[in-house]
N, C-alpha and C. Protein backbone atom coordinates (compact mmCIF):
# COMPACT_ATOMS: atom_id res chain seq x y z
N MET A 1 0.84 -1.18 0.00
CA MET A 1 0.00 0.00 0.00
C MET A 1 0.88 1.24 0.00
N ARG A 2 0.40 2.25 -0.67
CA ARG A 2 1.11 3.52 -0.70
C ARG A 2 0.32 4.59 0.05
N ASN A 3 1.01 5.69 0.32
CA ASN A 3 0.36 6.83 0.95
C ASN A 3 -0.48 7.58 -0.07
N LEU A 4 -1.56 8.18 0.39
CA LEU A 4 -2.36 9.05 -0.44
C LEU A 4 -1.53 10.29 -0.71
N SER A 5 -1.40 10.68 -1.97
CA SER A 5 -0.54 11.80 -2.35
C SER A 5 -1.24 13.12 -2.11
N ASP A 6 -0.54 14.05 -1.53
CA ASP A 6 -1.05 15.39 -1.31
C ASP A 6 -0.43 16.31 -2.37
N ASN A 7 -1.18 16.55 -3.42
CA ASN A 7 -0.69 17.42 -4.49
C ASN A 7 -1.37 18.78 -4.42
N THR A 8 -1.54 19.29 -3.20
CA THR A 8 -2.26 20.54 -3.04
C THR A 8 -1.53 21.72 -3.67
N ASP A 9 -0.23 21.57 -3.91
CA ASP A 9 0.48 22.65 -4.59
C ASP A 9 -0.03 22.81 -6.03
N MET A 10 -0.66 21.76 -6.55
CA MET A 10 -1.28 21.83 -7.87
C MET A 10 -2.79 22.04 -7.77
N GLY A 11 -3.31 22.15 -6.55
CA GLY A 11 -4.72 22.44 -6.37
C GLY A 11 -5.63 21.23 -6.29
N PHE A 12 -5.07 20.01 -6.12
CA PHE A 12 -5.91 18.83 -6.03
C PHE A 12 -5.20 17.72 -5.26
N TYR A 13 -5.98 16.75 -4.85
CA TYR A 13 -5.43 15.53 -4.27
C TYR A 13 -5.45 14.46 -5.35
N CYS A 14 -4.47 13.58 -5.31
CA CYS A 14 -4.35 12.58 -6.36
C CYS A 14 -3.98 11.22 -5.76
N ILE A 15 -4.51 10.17 -6.35
CA ILE A 15 -4.14 8.82 -5.94
C ILE A 15 -2.94 8.39 -6.79
N GLU A 16 -1.86 7.99 -6.13
CA GLU A 16 -0.69 7.54 -6.86
C GLU A 16 -0.97 6.21 -7.55
N THR A 17 -0.19 5.91 -8.58
CA THR A 17 -0.29 4.62 -9.23
C THR A 17 -0.02 3.55 -8.18
N GLU A 18 -0.84 2.54 -8.17
CA GLU A 18 -0.79 1.54 -7.10
C GLU A 18 -0.60 0.15 -7.70
N ASN A 19 0.18 -0.67 -7.04
CA ASN A 19 0.35 -2.05 -7.49
C ASN A 19 -0.29 -3.03 -6.51
N PHE A 20 -1.08 -2.52 -5.55
CA PHE A 20 -1.79 -3.39 -4.61
C PHE A 20 -3.27 -3.09 -4.75
N THR A 21 -3.99 -3.95 -5.43
CA THR A 21 -5.43 -3.81 -5.60
C THR A 21 -6.06 -5.19 -5.48
N ASP A 22 -7.15 -5.27 -4.72
CA ASP A 22 -7.90 -6.52 -4.58
C ASP A 22 -9.10 -6.50 -5.53
N ALA A 23 -9.54 -7.67 -5.97
CA ALA A 23 -10.73 -7.79 -6.81
C ALA A 23 -11.71 -8.74 -6.13
N ILE A 24 -12.95 -8.29 -6.00
CA ILE A 24 -14.01 -9.09 -5.40
C ILE A 24 -15.04 -9.40 -6.48
N VAL A 25 -15.34 -10.67 -6.68
CA VAL A 25 -16.33 -11.08 -7.67
C VAL A 25 -17.63 -11.37 -6.93
N LEU A 26 -18.66 -10.58 -7.24
CA LEU A 26 -19.96 -10.75 -6.57
C LEU A 26 -20.96 -11.44 -7.47
N THR A 27 -21.75 -12.31 -6.87
CA THR A 27 -22.91 -12.91 -7.53
C THR A 27 -24.12 -12.07 -7.15
N ALA A 28 -24.99 -11.82 -8.10
CA ALA A 28 -26.16 -10.97 -7.88
C ALA A 28 -26.91 -11.35 -6.61
N GLY A 29 -27.14 -10.35 -5.75
CA GLY A 29 -27.96 -10.53 -4.56
C GLY A 29 -27.29 -11.21 -3.38
N ALA A 30 -26.01 -11.58 -3.50
CA ALA A 30 -25.32 -12.27 -2.42
C ALA A 30 -24.26 -11.34 -1.81
N ALA A 31 -24.44 -10.99 -0.55
CA ALA A 31 -23.47 -10.13 0.14
C ALA A 31 -22.18 -10.90 0.39
N LYS A 32 -21.06 -10.20 0.28
CA LYS A 32 -19.75 -10.82 0.52
C LYS A 32 -18.91 -9.87 1.38
N PRO A 33 -18.25 -10.41 2.42
CA PRO A 33 -17.41 -9.55 3.26
C PRO A 33 -16.02 -9.33 2.65
N TYR A 34 -15.44 -8.17 2.93
CA TYR A 34 -14.06 -7.85 2.56
C TYR A 34 -13.37 -7.36 3.82
N ILE A 35 -12.28 -7.99 4.19
CA ILE A 35 -11.53 -7.59 5.37
C ILE A 35 -10.56 -6.48 4.97
N ILE A 36 -10.66 -5.35 5.64
CA ILE A 36 -9.80 -4.20 5.34
C ILE A 36 -8.38 -4.54 5.78
N PRO A 37 -7.41 -4.39 4.88
CA PRO A 37 -6.02 -4.71 5.25
C PRO A 37 -5.52 -3.86 6.42
N THR A 38 -4.75 -4.47 7.29
CA THR A 38 -4.16 -3.76 8.42
C THR A 38 -3.35 -2.58 7.93
N GLY A 39 -3.54 -1.44 8.54
CA GLY A 39 -2.79 -0.23 8.18
C GLY A 39 -3.47 0.64 7.14
N ALA A 40 -4.50 0.12 6.48
CA ALA A 40 -5.20 0.93 5.47
C ALA A 40 -5.96 2.06 6.15
N LYS A 41 -5.85 3.25 5.60
CA LYS A 41 -6.59 4.40 6.10
C LYS A 41 -7.67 4.85 5.13
N PHE A 42 -7.52 4.44 3.86
CA PHE A 42 -8.47 4.80 2.82
C PHE A 42 -8.72 3.58 1.94
N LEU A 43 -9.92 3.49 1.38
CA LEU A 43 -10.24 2.47 0.38
C LEU A 43 -10.81 3.19 -0.84
N PHE A 44 -10.38 2.77 -2.02
CA PHE A 44 -10.90 3.31 -3.27
C PHE A 44 -11.51 2.17 -4.08
N PHE A 45 -12.74 2.37 -4.54
CA PHE A 45 -13.53 1.33 -5.20
C PHE A 45 -13.77 1.67 -6.67
N SER A 46 -13.81 0.64 -7.50
CA SER A 46 -14.30 0.72 -8.87
C SER A 46 -15.09 -0.56 -9.12
N SER A 47 -16.08 -0.48 -10.01
CA SER A 47 -16.92 -1.65 -10.25
C SER A 47 -17.43 -1.66 -11.67
N THR A 48 -17.77 -2.85 -12.13
CA THR A 48 -18.36 -2.99 -13.46
C THR A 48 -19.87 -2.78 -13.44
N ALA A 49 -20.46 -2.59 -12.24
CA ALA A 49 -21.91 -2.37 -12.11
C ALA A 49 -22.21 -1.68 -10.79
N LEU A 50 -23.47 -1.33 -10.57
CA LEU A 50 -23.89 -0.74 -9.31
C LEU A 50 -23.65 -1.72 -8.17
N PHE A 51 -23.25 -1.18 -7.00
CA PHE A 51 -23.10 -2.02 -5.82
C PHE A 51 -23.33 -1.18 -4.58
N TYR A 52 -23.57 -1.85 -3.47
CA TYR A 52 -23.76 -1.22 -2.18
C TYR A 52 -22.69 -1.72 -1.22
N ALA A 53 -22.27 -0.84 -0.30
CA ALA A 53 -21.25 -1.20 0.69
C ALA A 53 -21.71 -0.78 2.07
N LYS A 54 -21.32 -1.57 3.07
CA LYS A 54 -21.61 -1.24 4.46
C LYS A 54 -20.36 -1.53 5.28
N PHE A 55 -19.86 -0.50 5.96
CA PHE A 55 -18.64 -0.60 6.76
C PHE A 55 -19.01 -0.97 8.19
N SER A 56 -18.25 -1.90 8.78
CA SER A 56 -18.51 -2.30 10.17
C SER A 56 -17.31 -3.09 10.71
N ASP A 57 -17.47 -3.62 11.91
CA ASP A 57 -16.46 -4.51 12.48
C ASP A 57 -16.80 -5.97 12.24
N ASP A 58 -17.99 -6.23 11.68
CA ASP A 58 -18.42 -7.61 11.41
C ASP A 58 -19.36 -7.60 10.22
N ALA A 59 -18.80 -7.77 9.02
CA ALA A 59 -19.59 -7.70 7.80
C ALA A 59 -20.59 -8.84 7.67
N THR A 60 -20.33 -9.95 8.33
CA THR A 60 -21.27 -11.07 8.29
C THR A 60 -22.51 -10.75 9.12
N ALA A 61 -22.32 -10.15 10.28
CA ALA A 61 -23.45 -9.79 11.15
C ALA A 61 -24.15 -8.52 10.67
N ASN A 62 -23.45 -7.67 9.91
CA ASN A 62 -24.01 -6.41 9.41
C ASN A 62 -23.85 -6.33 7.89
N PRO A 63 -24.53 -7.21 7.15
CA PRO A 63 -24.32 -7.25 5.71
C PRO A 63 -24.91 -6.05 4.98
N ALA A 64 -24.28 -5.70 3.88
CA ALA A 64 -24.83 -4.68 2.99
C ALA A 64 -26.14 -5.22 2.42
N SER A 65 -27.03 -4.31 2.09
CA SER A 65 -28.30 -4.72 1.49
C SER A 65 -28.76 -3.68 0.49
N GLU A 66 -29.55 -4.13 -0.46
CA GLU A 66 -30.19 -3.23 -1.41
C GLU A 66 -31.50 -2.77 -0.79
N PRO A 67 -31.72 -1.46 -0.69
CA PRO A 67 -32.97 -1.01 -0.09
C PRO A 67 -34.16 -1.36 -0.97
N VAL A 68 -35.23 -1.79 -0.33
CA VAL A 68 -36.48 -2.07 -1.03
C VAL A 68 -37.56 -1.08 -0.62
N GLY A 69 -37.18 -0.14 0.22
CA GLY A 69 -38.06 0.93 0.69
C GLY A 69 -37.20 2.00 1.32
N ASP A 70 -37.84 3.00 1.87
CA ASP A 70 -37.11 4.08 2.53
C ASP A 70 -36.34 3.55 3.74
N VAL A 71 -35.10 4.03 3.90
CA VAL A 71 -34.29 3.74 5.08
C VAL A 71 -33.87 5.10 5.62
N ILE A 72 -34.53 5.54 6.69
CA ILE A 72 -34.30 6.90 7.18
C ILE A 72 -33.78 6.92 8.63
N ASP A 73 -33.11 5.84 9.01
CA ASP A 73 -32.54 5.77 10.36
C ASP A 73 -31.01 5.74 10.34
N GLY A 74 -30.41 6.01 9.18
CA GLY A 74 -28.95 6.05 9.07
C GLY A 74 -28.28 4.72 8.84
N THR A 75 -29.04 3.65 8.66
CA THR A 75 -28.43 2.31 8.52
C THR A 75 -28.36 1.80 7.08
N ALA A 76 -28.69 2.62 6.11
CA ALA A 76 -28.66 2.18 4.71
C ALA A 76 -27.23 1.91 4.26
N SER A 77 -27.09 1.01 3.33
CA SER A 77 -25.79 0.76 2.70
C SER A 77 -25.50 1.89 1.72
N ILE A 78 -24.21 2.12 1.44
CA ILE A 78 -23.78 3.21 0.57
C ILE A 78 -23.75 2.73 -0.88
N LEU A 79 -24.40 3.46 -1.77
CA LEU A 79 -24.40 3.12 -3.19
C LEU A 79 -23.13 3.63 -3.85
N ASN A 80 -22.39 2.74 -4.48
CA ASN A 80 -21.21 3.07 -5.27
C ASN A 80 -20.22 4.01 -4.58
N PRO A 81 -19.73 3.67 -3.40
CA PRO A 81 -18.73 4.55 -2.81
C PRO A 81 -17.49 4.57 -3.71
N THR A 82 -16.89 5.71 -3.84
CA THR A 82 -15.68 5.79 -4.67
C THR A 82 -14.45 5.71 -3.79
N GLY A 83 -14.33 6.61 -2.85
CA GLY A 83 -13.23 6.59 -1.91
C GLY A 83 -13.76 6.86 -0.52
N ARG A 84 -13.22 6.18 0.46
CA ARG A 84 -13.66 6.36 1.85
C ARG A 84 -12.47 6.32 2.78
N LYS A 85 -12.47 7.25 3.75
CA LYS A 85 -11.50 7.20 4.84
C LYS A 85 -12.03 6.20 5.84
N ILE A 86 -11.18 5.28 6.28
CA ILE A 86 -11.60 4.25 7.21
C ILE A 86 -11.67 4.85 8.61
N ALA A 87 -12.83 4.75 9.23
CA ALA A 87 -13.03 5.30 10.57
C ALA A 87 -13.54 4.20 11.49
N GLY A 88 -12.63 3.36 11.97
CA GLY A 88 -12.99 2.34 12.94
C GLY A 88 -13.48 1.02 12.37
N ALA A 89 -13.86 0.97 11.11
CA ALA A 89 -14.33 -0.28 10.52
C ALA A 89 -13.15 -1.20 10.22
N THR A 90 -13.38 -2.50 10.31
CA THR A 90 -12.37 -3.48 9.95
C THR A 90 -12.79 -4.33 8.76
N GLU A 91 -14.07 -4.22 8.38
CA GLU A 91 -14.60 -5.00 7.27
C GLU A 91 -15.59 -4.16 6.47
N VAL A 92 -15.80 -4.58 5.23
CA VAL A 92 -16.81 -3.97 4.38
C VAL A 92 -17.64 -5.11 3.79
N SER A 93 -18.96 -4.98 3.89
CA SER A 93 -19.85 -5.93 3.24
C SER A 93 -20.24 -5.32 1.89
N LEU A 94 -20.26 -6.14 0.85
CA LEU A 94 -20.57 -5.67 -0.51
C LEU A 94 -21.70 -6.50 -1.09
N ILE A 95 -22.58 -5.84 -1.84
CA ILE A 95 -23.67 -6.55 -2.52
C ILE A 95 -24.03 -5.79 -3.79
N SER A 96 -24.52 -6.51 -4.79
CA SER A 96 -24.93 -5.91 -6.05
C SER A 96 -26.19 -6.60 -6.56
N PRO A 97 -27.05 -5.86 -7.27
CA PRO A 97 -28.23 -6.50 -7.85
C PRO A 97 -27.90 -7.38 -9.06
N VAL A 98 -26.68 -7.25 -9.57
CA VAL A 98 -26.24 -8.06 -10.72
C VAL A 98 -24.84 -8.61 -10.44
N ASP A 99 -24.45 -9.62 -11.20
CA ASP A 99 -23.07 -10.11 -11.09
C ASP A 99 -22.13 -8.96 -11.44
N THR A 100 -21.08 -8.78 -10.65
CA THR A 100 -20.15 -7.68 -10.90
C THR A 100 -18.78 -7.99 -10.32
N ILE A 101 -17.81 -7.24 -10.75
CA ILE A 101 -16.47 -7.29 -10.20
C ILE A 101 -16.16 -5.93 -9.60
N ILE A 102 -15.69 -5.92 -8.36
CA ILE A 102 -15.33 -4.68 -7.67
C ILE A 102 -13.83 -4.73 -7.39
N THR A 103 -13.13 -3.68 -7.76
CA THR A 103 -11.73 -3.58 -7.38
C THR A 103 -11.63 -2.61 -6.20
N ILE A 104 -10.77 -2.96 -5.25
CA ILE A 104 -10.58 -2.16 -4.04
C ILE A 104 -9.09 -1.90 -3.87
N THR A 105 -8.73 -0.63 -3.81
CA THR A 105 -7.34 -0.24 -3.61
C THR A 105 -7.22 0.40 -2.23
N PRO A 106 -6.57 -0.29 -1.28
CA PRO A 106 -6.34 0.29 0.05
C PRO A 106 -5.12 1.21 0.00
N MET A 107 -5.19 2.30 0.75
CA MET A 107 -4.08 3.26 0.81
C MET A 107 -3.83 3.63 2.27
N THR A 108 -2.59 4.01 2.57
CA THR A 108 -2.25 4.44 3.93
C THR A 108 -2.20 5.95 4.01
């Protein structure tokens, strides 16, 4: 894992080229846990389709889900997160309505 680059002298933040990326293959409608690598402070996601993510300390007990109605209590899964700073979570649960591949790049 590499550090997140601070290119503020150019007016933006940038992700450095990375050679450590995980790929998760999801089957439609089946949640799958991803264990956040030790030391990761950020995760960056890309996917071939829509997906939902839920961060927690136990992705099996707190799986991501596709909403089928309003969720207004703060417990909804996140649709297509791009980049996230890790705040206490050790796992991410992932789910998609279709078969998809998600790549995850952890950064320090």
